[in-house]
Protein backbone atom coordinates (compact mmCIF):
# COMPACT_ATOMS: atom_id res chain seq x y z
CA MET A 1 2.87 -4.28 -4.04
CA GLU A 2 0.89 -6.93 -5.82
CA ASN A 3 2.79 -9.06 -8.34
CA LYS A 4 0.73 -10.94 -10.90
CA GLN A 5 2.82 -12.79 -13.44
CA ASP A 6 0.63 -15.17 -15.40
CA GLY A 7 1.87 -14.78 -18.96
CA ASN A 8 -1.00 -14.06 -21.33
CA SER A 9 -3.61 -15.95 -19.31
CA GLY A 10 -5.40 -12.66 -18.70
CA GLY A 11 -5.69 -11.94 -22.42
CA TRP A 12 -3.25 -9.03 -22.51
CA PHE A 13 -2.00 -7.51 -25.74
CA ARG A 14 0.72 -4.99 -26.53
CA VAL A 15 -0.15 -2.29 -29.06
CA THR A 16 2.85 -0.65 -30.72
CA ILE A 17 2.85 2.44 -32.93
CA PRO A 18 6.17 2.73 -34.81
CA TYR A 19 7.46 6.31 -34.88
CA GLY A 20 4.71 7.19 -32.42
CA ILE A 21 7.06 9.60 -30.68
CA LYS A 22 6.06 12.14 -33.37
CA TYR A 23 2.57 12.36 -31.90
CA ASN A 24 1.21 13.35 -28.52
CA LYS A 25 -0.58 10.81 -26.37
CA THR A 26 -4.02 12.39 -26.64
CA TRP A 27 -3.99 12.41 -30.45
CA ILE A 28 -2.84 8.78 -30.65
CA ILE A 29 -5.44 7.45 -28.23
CA ASN A 30 -8.33 9.55 -29.52
CA SER A 31 -7.56 8.70 -33.15
CA ILE A 32 -7.32 4.97 -32.50
CA GLN A 33 -10.38 4.81 -30.25
CA SER A 34 -12.51 6.75 -32.74
CA HIS A 35 -11.62 4.35 -35.56
CA CYS A 36 -11.76 1.10 -33.58
CA SER A 37 -15.10 -0.74 -33.73
CA VAL A 38 -14.63 -2.20 -30.22
CA PRO A 39 -14.25 0.06 -27.15
CA PHE A 40 -11.11 -0.56 -25.09
CA THR A 41 -9.23 0.80 -22.09
CA VAL A 42 -5.65 1.95 -22.54
CA VAL A 43 -3.22 0.67 -19.91
CA ASP A 44 0.34 1.85 -19.33
CA PHE A 45 0.78 4.18 -22.31
CA HIS A 46 4.43 5.13 -22.80
CA TYR A 47 7.02 6.01 -25.39
CA LEU A 48 9.85 3.59 -26.11
CA LYS A 49 12.71 4.91 -28.24
CA ASP A 50 10.96 6.31 -31.33
CA GLY A 51 7.71 4.40 -30.86
CA ALA A 52 4.65 4.49 -28.61
CA GLN A 53 3.16 1.54 -26.75
CA PHE A 54 0.21 0.66 -24.58
CA PHE A 55 -1.61 -2.45 -23.43
CA ILE A 56 -5.19 -3.70 -23.62
CA GLN A 57 -6.93 -6.67 -22.02
CA ASP A 58 -9.48 -7.59 -24.65
CA ALA A 59 -9.04 -10.11 -27.46
CA CYS A 60 -11.94 -8.64 -29.46
CA ALA A 61 -10.46 -5.15 -29.27
CA ALA A 62 -7.05 -6.53 -30.23
CA SER A 63 -8.56 -8.06 -33.37
CA ALA A 64 -10.37 -4.80 -34.18
CA LEU A 65 -7.16 -2.81 -33.77
CA LYS A 66 -5.42 -5.05 -36.30
CA ASP A 67 -8.16 -4.17 -38.79
CA ILE A 68 -7.40 -0.43 -38.62
CA ASN A 69 -3.66 -0.79 -39.22
CA CYS A 70 -2.61 1.94 -41.68
CA LYS A 71 -6.17 3.30 -41.91
CA ILE A 72 -5.55 6.43 -39.83
CA SER A 73 -3.79 9.42 -41.40
CA ASP A 74 -2.00 12.25 -39.64
CA GLU A 75 -1.96 15.90 -40.74
CA GLU A 76 0.75 15.11 -43.30
CA ASN A 77 -1.37 12.26 -44.70
CA GLN A 78 1.04 9.65 -43.36
CA LYS A 79 -0.55 6.36 -42.35
CA LEU A 80 -0.40 5.27 -38.72
CA SER A 81 0.94 1.74 -38.32
CA ILE A 82 -0.60 -0.25 -35.48
CA HIS A 83 1.02 -3.53 -34.45
CA VAL A 84 -0.76 -5.82 -31.99
CA SER A 85 0.81 -8.84 -30.27
CA PRO A 86 0.10 -11.04 -27.22
CA SER A 87 1.78 -9.80 -24.07
CA ALA A 88 2.55 -10.68 -20.49
CA VAL A 89 0.77 -8.67 -17.81
CA PRO A 90 2.04 -5.06 -17.97
CA TYR A 91 4.56 -3.98 -15.33
CA SER A 92 2.24 -1.39 -13.81
CA VAL A 93 -0.47 -4.03 -13.37
CA GLN A 94 1.91 -6.66 -12.02
CA ASN A 95 3.25 -4.22 -9.45
CA LYS A 96 0.11 -2.29 -8.63
CA LEU A 97 0.03 -0.89 -5.11
CA ASP A 98 -2.30 -2.85 -2.85
CA PRO A 99 -5.11 -1.10 -0.92
CA GLU A 100 -3.04 -0.78 2.27
CA GLU A 101 -0.17 0.83 0.36
CA MET A 102 -2.54 3.20 -1.42
CA GLU A 103 -4.00 4.26 1.92
CA GLN A 104 -0.55 4.92 3.35
CA LEU A 105 0.46 6.89 0.27
CA LYS A 106 -2.71 8.98 0.63
CA LEU A 107 -1.98 9.67 4.31
CA THR A 108 1.61 10.64 3.55
CA MET A 109 0.69 12.92 0.67
CA SER A 110 -2.06 14.57 2.73
CA LYS A 111 0.55 15.70 5.23
CA HIS A 112 2.38 17.49 2.42
CA TYR A 113 -0.70 19.32 1.17
CA ASP A 114 -1.20 23.01 1.92
CA ILE A 115 -4.95 23.47 1.71
CA SER A 116 -4.77 27.28 1.83
CA GLN A 117 -2.46 27.41 -1.20
CA LYS A 118 -3.83 24.26 -2.83
CA ALA A 119 -0.20 23.18 -3.12
CA LEU A 120 1.29 19.68 -2.85
CA ASP A 121 4.98 19.29 -2.01
CA LEU A 122 6.30 15.87 -3.07
CA HIS A 123 9.99 16.69 -3.36
CA LYS A 124 12.22 13.67 -2.61
CA LEU A 125 9.09 11.56 -2.14
CA ARG A 126 11.02 8.28 -2.16
CA PHE A 127 12.81 9.31 1.03
CA ASP A 128 9.75 10.35 2.99
CA PRO A 129 10.25 8.93 6.52
CA GLU A 130 6.72 7.54 6.77
CA LEU A 131 6.96 5.70 3.48
CA MET A 132 10.36 4.33 4.41
CA ASP A 133 9.02 3.18 7.79
CA HIS A 134 6.40 1.16 5.90
CA ASP A 135 9.01 -0.25 3.48
CA MET A 136 7.35 1.54 0.57
CA ASP A 137 9.74 2.41 -2.25
CA ILE A 138 7.86 5.06 -4.23
CA ILE A 139 10.09 5.79 -7.22
CA LEU A 140 8.25 8.17 -9.53
CA ASN A 141 10.15 7.03 -12.61
CA ARG A 142 8.24 3.76 -12.25
CA ARG A 143 4.91 4.06 -14.00
CA ASN A 144 3.05 2.14 -11.30
CA CYS A 145 4.29 4.56 -8.63
CA MET A 146 3.50 7.65 -10.68
CA ALA A 147 0.08 6.23 -11.56
CA ALA A 148 -0.69 5.63 -7.88
CA THR A 149 0.45 9.14 -6.97
CA LEU A 150 -1.72 10.73 -9.66
CA GLN A 151 -4.68 8.61 -8.59
CA VAL A 152 -4.34 9.93 -5.03
CA ILE A 153 -4.17 13.48 -6.40
CA LYS A 154 -7.27 12.99 -8.53
CA GLU A 155 -9.32 11.53 -5.68
CA ASN A 156 -8.14 13.75 -2.83
CA PHE A 157 -6.85 17.05 -4.24
CA PRO A 158 -9.18 17.83 -7.17
CA GLU A 159 -8.50 21.59 -7.00
CA LEU A 160 -4.71 21.31 -6.90
CA LEU A 161 -2.95 24.39 -8.26
CA SER A 162 0.72 23.77 -7.45
CA LEU A 163 2.72 20.52 -7.56
CA ASN A 164 6.34 20.22 -6.47
CA LEU A 165 8.16 17.15 -7.86
CA CYS A 166 11.71 18.40 -7.54
CA LYS A 167 14.55 16.07 -6.53
CA ASN A 168 12.79 12.86 -7.60
CA LYS A 169 15.43 11.86 -10.18
CA LEU A 170 12.85 12.01 -12.96
CA TYR A 171 14.47 11.38 -16.33
CA GLN A 172 11.32 10.68 -18.36
CA LEU A 173 7.78 12.02 -18.04
CA ASP A 174 5.72 9.19 -19.56
CA GLY A 175 3.96 8.45 -16.29
CA LEU A 176 3.38 12.13 -15.62
CA SER A 177 1.60 12.57 -18.95
CA ASP A 178 -1.64 11.37 -17.34
CA ILE A 179 -1.64 14.48 -15.16
CA VAL A 180 -3.27 16.38 -18.04
CA GLU A 181 -6.45 14.36 -17.55
CA MET A 182 -6.17 13.61 -13.82
CA SER A 183 -5.27 17.05 -12.50
CA PRO A 184 -6.00 19.66 -15.18
CA THR A 185 -6.28 22.51 -12.65
CA ILE A 186 -2.51 22.68 -12.00
CA LYS A 187 -1.01 26.08 -12.78
CA SER A 188 2.46 25.64 -11.29
CA LEU A 189 4.68 22.58 -11.79
CA ASN A 190 8.13 22.29 -10.21
CA LEU A 191 10.38 19.76 -11.96
CA SER A 192 13.64 21.37 -10.88
CA LYS A 193 16.70 19.33 -9.88
CA ASN A 194 15.61 16.20 -11.73
CA GLU A 195 17.37 14.43 -14.60
CA VAL A 196 15.21 15.33 -17.62
CA GLN A 197 17.55 15.54 -20.60
CA SER A 198 15.32 16.06 -23.63
CA VAL A 199 12.86 18.83 -24.43
CA TRP A 200 10.72 16.12 -26.00
CA GLU A 201 9.79 15.02 -22.48
CA LEU A 202 8.03 18.37 -21.99
CA CYS A 203 5.72 17.60 -24.91
CA LYS A 204 4.19 14.83 -22.81
CA ILE A 205 2.67 17.38 -20.42
CA LYS A 206 2.00 20.26 -22.79
CA GLY A 207 -1.76 19.95 -22.37
CA LEU A 208 -1.51 21.57 -18.94
CA LYS A 209 -2.49 25.25 -18.78
CA LEU A 210 0.59 26.17 -16.75
CA GLU A 211 1.62 29.61 -15.60
CA GLU A 212 4.85 28.43 -13.97
CA LEU A 213 7.20 25.65 -14.99
CA TRP A 214 10.37 25.24 -12.93
CA LEU A 215 13.17 23.35 -14.65
CA LYS A 216 16.37 24.52 -12.95
CA GLY A 217 18.93 21.78 -12.50
CA ASN A 218 17.81 19.54 -15.38
CA PRO A 219 20.21 18.75 -18.25
CA LEU A 220 17.63 19.97 -20.79
CA CYS A 221 18.24 23.55 -19.60
CA ASN A 222 21.35 23.55 -21.77
CA THR A 223 19.05 23.31 -24.80
CA PHE A 224 17.79 26.88 -24.36
CA PRO A 225 20.52 29.53 -24.33
CA ASN A 226 18.04 32.41 -24.09
CA GLN A 227 14.39 33.35 -23.74
CA TYR A 228 13.75 33.62 -27.47
CA THR A 229 14.65 29.98 -28.17
CA TYR A 230 12.49 28.78 -25.29
CA VAL A 231 9.41 30.80 -26.28
CA ARG A 232 9.89 29.79 -29.93
CA TYR A 233 10.01 26.14 -28.88
CA LEU A 234 6.72 26.50 -27.01
CA GLU A 235 5.05 28.21 -29.96
CA ASP A 236 6.35 25.64 -32.46
CA ASN A 237 4.96 22.81 -30.34
CA GLU A 238 1.60 24.51 -29.72
CA TRP A 239 1.81 24.54 -25.94
CA ASP A 240 -1.44 25.54 -24.31
CA TYR A 241 0.17 28.09 -22.01
CA THR A 242 -1.18 31.36 -20.69
CA LYS A 243 2.34 32.36 -19.75
CA ALA A 244 5.76 30.98 -20.51
CA GLY A 245 8.94 31.16 -18.47
CA GLN A 246 12.50 31.62 -19.58
CA VAL A 247 14.88 28.70 -19.24
CA PHE A 248 18.58 29.58 -18.98
CA THR A 249 21.73 27.48 -18.80
CA LYS A 250 22.72 29.58 -15.81
CA LEU A 251 19.71 30.40 -13.68
CA LYS A 252 19.91 32.35 -10.48
CA LYS A 253 20.64 30.31 -7.41
CA GLU A 254 17.05 30.58 -6.17
CA SER A 255 14.99 27.50 -6.92
CA LYS A 256 12.35 29.37 -8.89
CA ILE A 257 12.65 30.79 -12.38
CA PRO A 258 12.66 34.57 -11.68
CA GLU A 259 9.27 36.26 -11.98
CA GLU A 260 10.52 38.85 -14.46
CA ALA A 261 11.35 36.06 -16.85
CA PHE A 262 7.65 35.35 -17.44
CA LYS A 263 5.91 37.00 -20.35
CA GLN A 264 2.59 36.67 -22.11
CA ILE A 265 2.75 34.71 -25.32
CA THR A 266 0.67 36.25 -28.06
């Protein structure tokens, strides 16, 4: 992986939105870009504690963003604070996979793609023998690794319907949030046997039009004691679902949420 540590010589800036965790990524970015007088590219968007952050590499845009501090209002008429400060090169840029690594990742992922089902099985990706043979440590909790994986999906599996990410020790879904734009065709997402603890993490992918969401084996399952609380959560958070599945504290031993648990949300 490339490592480019040159302080702020590349003109990088960190943009911080205090209490940004209240808003979804799409609303934040669209609102800021529509108000900013200078176009900019968002790099490495993520949530940190109760705030949201991303990076830009443009001094003119950084200055323009400072000018719109507290000039954007949310639905409750609360002003959006925007703090801009010089930054070192973002982690995902410093550690971007080089072309040879991207090619190997593409070859490895292609071997896990079922073209007839349009399904991609990336369970325990870090321990794939081919990646390990090439000394590639693809840890999907790292935003650079998730970004590279989603880029391969976008470029090589544009009609993907099913994605299996189980057993990847995922505890946050910031990097996965880009899947809404990069692979919007996905209908089935398997996140079972990871380490996601908060239902808030699910909000980061709620733009997907999913029909199946597998969550068995994640600590957040304890949040939903029955189907009513799960469906109510989805409705309260305006999930764009055609169907919703039931999440139980004690699911059946099979890895998939049982089919009878799905119901149409009206």
